[in-house]
C-alpha cells in the first residue's frame, strides 16, 4: 500500500493500479480526487481513500471515463468532508454516488 499525506494538488488514479492507500488528503481550491481518465481495458482494484478534506473544491471525488472498458473494483471511500466558507458539506462515507 502507498500512503500520501498533505497533498495540495489534484492527481488521479490511472490504470493499471492495485493495492493503493490514499489518506489524509487536503484538497484546497482544486478538483478534488479522481480516477481516470479510464479508457480501454481499465484494471483498477483494491483502492482505499480515507480522510479526504476539500476546501472550495468543485467536487470531492470523480470517476472520469473515456468511453473505455474494463473494471474498477473493491474501492473504499471513507470520511470525506467538504467545506465552503458558508457551510459544511455533510461528513460521512461515500457509497456509490450518495454521501451518507
Protein backbone atom coordinates (compact mmCIF):
# COMPACT_ATOMS: atom_id res chain seq x y z
CA UNK A 1 0.00 0.00 0.00
CA UNK A 2 1.12 3.52 -0.79
CA UNK A 3 0.37 6.42 1.54
CA UNK A 4 0.05 10.05 0.53
CA UNK A 5 -0.07 12.84 3.11
CA UNK A 6 -0.92 16.56 2.87
CA UNK A 7 -1.17 16.91 -0.88
CA UNK A 8 -2.33 20.25 -2.25
CA UNK A 9 -2.53 19.15 -5.87
CA UNK A 10 -5.12 17.36 -7.97
CA UNK A 11 -4.00 13.97 -9.16
CA UNK A 12 -5.78 10.87 -10.34
CA UNK A 13 -5.52 7.10 -10.22
CA UNK A 14 -4.96 5.66 -13.66
CA UNK A 15 -4.97 2.10 -14.95
CA UNK A 16 -3.43 -0.26 -14.11
CA UNK A 17 -3.45 0.34 -10.34
CA UNK A 18 -3.75 -2.12 -7.43
CA UNK A 19 -3.38 -2.03 -3.63
CA UNK A 20 -3.42 1.74 -3.22
CA UNK A 21 -3.96 3.58 0.08
CA UNK A 22 -4.56 7.33 -0.11
CA UNK A 23 -5.24 9.06 3.19
CA UNK A 24 -5.08 12.39 4.98
CA UNK A 25 -5.53 14.40 1.79
CA UNK A 26 -6.26 18.14 1.83
CA UNK A 27 -7.61 19.46 -1.48
CA UNK A 28 -7.63 23.25 -1.47
CA UNK A 29 -9.19 25.18 -4.37
CA UNK A 30 -8.96 22.12 -6.59
CA UNK A 31 -10.91 19.49 -8.50
CA UNK A 32 -10.69 17.05 -5.59
CA UNK A 33 -9.73 13.40 -6.15
CA UNK A 34 -10.25 11.38 -9.33
CA UNK A 35 -10.00 8.09 -11.13
CA UNK A 36 -9.09 8.41 -14.80
CA UNK A 37 -9.49 9.15 -17.47
CA UNK A 38 -10.42 5.49 -17.77
CA UNK A 39 -10.09 4.08 -21.27
CA UNK A 40 -9.92 0.63 -22.85
CA UNK A 41 -9.03 -2.34 -20.63
CA UNK A 42 -9.22 -0.43 -17.34
CA UNK A 43 -7.83 -2.54 -14.49
CA UNK A 44 -8.04 -0.87 -11.07
CA UNK A 45 -8.63 -2.70 -7.79
CA UNK A 46 -8.15 -2.53 -4.03
CA UNK A 47 -8.09 1.23 -3.55
CA UNK A 48 -8.79 2.99 -0.25
CA UNK A 49 -9.40 6.72 0.09
CA UNK A 50 -9.55 7.76 3.75
CA UNK A 51 -9.76 11.18 5.42
CA UNK A 52 -10.18 13.43 2.40
CA UNK A 53 -10.83 17.08 3.21
CA UNK A 54 -11.80 19.54 0.49
CA UNK A 55 -11.97 23.32 0.67
CA UNK A 56 -13.51 25.22 -2.28
CA UNK A 57 -13.31 22.11 -4.48
CA UNK A 58 -15.75 21.70 -7.34
CA UNK A 59 -16.14 18.01 -6.40
CA UNK A 60 -14.75 15.65 -3.76
CA UNK A 61 -14.39 12.58 -5.98
CA UNK A 62 -14.81 11.96 -9.69
CA UNK A 63 -14.64 8.93 -11.98
CA UNK A 64 -13.67 10.12 -15.47
CA UNK A 65 -14.48 7.73 -18.30
CA UNK A 66 -13.13 7.98 -21.79
CA UNK A 67 -15.60 5.53 -23.36
CA UNK A 68 -13.47 2.58 -22.33
CA UNK A 69 -13.91 -0.92 -20.99
CA UNK A 70 -12.65 -2.97 -18.06
CA UNK A 71 -13.22 -2.84 -14.31
CA UNK A 72 -12.76 -0.76 -11.20
CA UNK A 73 -13.35 -2.96 -8.15
CA UNK A 74 -13.00 -3.07 -4.38
CA UNK A 75 -12.85 0.69 -3.79
CA UNK A 76 -13.46 2.05 -0.27
CA UNK A 77 -14.04 5.76 0.30
CA UNK A 78 -14.41 6.83 3.91
CA UNK A 79 -14.53 10.08 5.81
CA UNK A 80 -14.87 12.67 3.06
CA UNK A 81 -15.50 16.21 4.32
CA UNK A 82 -16.05 19.20 2.04
CA UNK A 83 -16.18 22.81 3.16
CA UNK A 84 -17.06 26.13 1.64
CA UNK A 85 -16.86 29.42 3.52
CA UNK A 86 -20.60 29.33 4.24
CA UNK A 87 -21.35 25.73 5.14
CA UNK A 88 -20.01 22.30 5.96
CA UNK A 89 -20.96 19.61 3.44
CA UNK A 90 -22.21 16.61 5.39
CA UNK A 91 -19.28 14.46 6.52
CA UNK A 92 -19.58 10.73 6.08
CA UNK A 93 -18.84 7.85 3.81
CA UNK A 94 -19.30 7.78 0.07
CA UNK A 95 -21.41 4.84 -1.10
CA UNK A 96 -21.83 4.80 -4.85
CA UNK A 97 -22.93 8.31 -5.73
CA UNK A 98 -24.51 9.03 -2.34
CA UNK A 99 -22.78 10.79 0.53
CA UNK A 100 -24.12 9.28 3.76
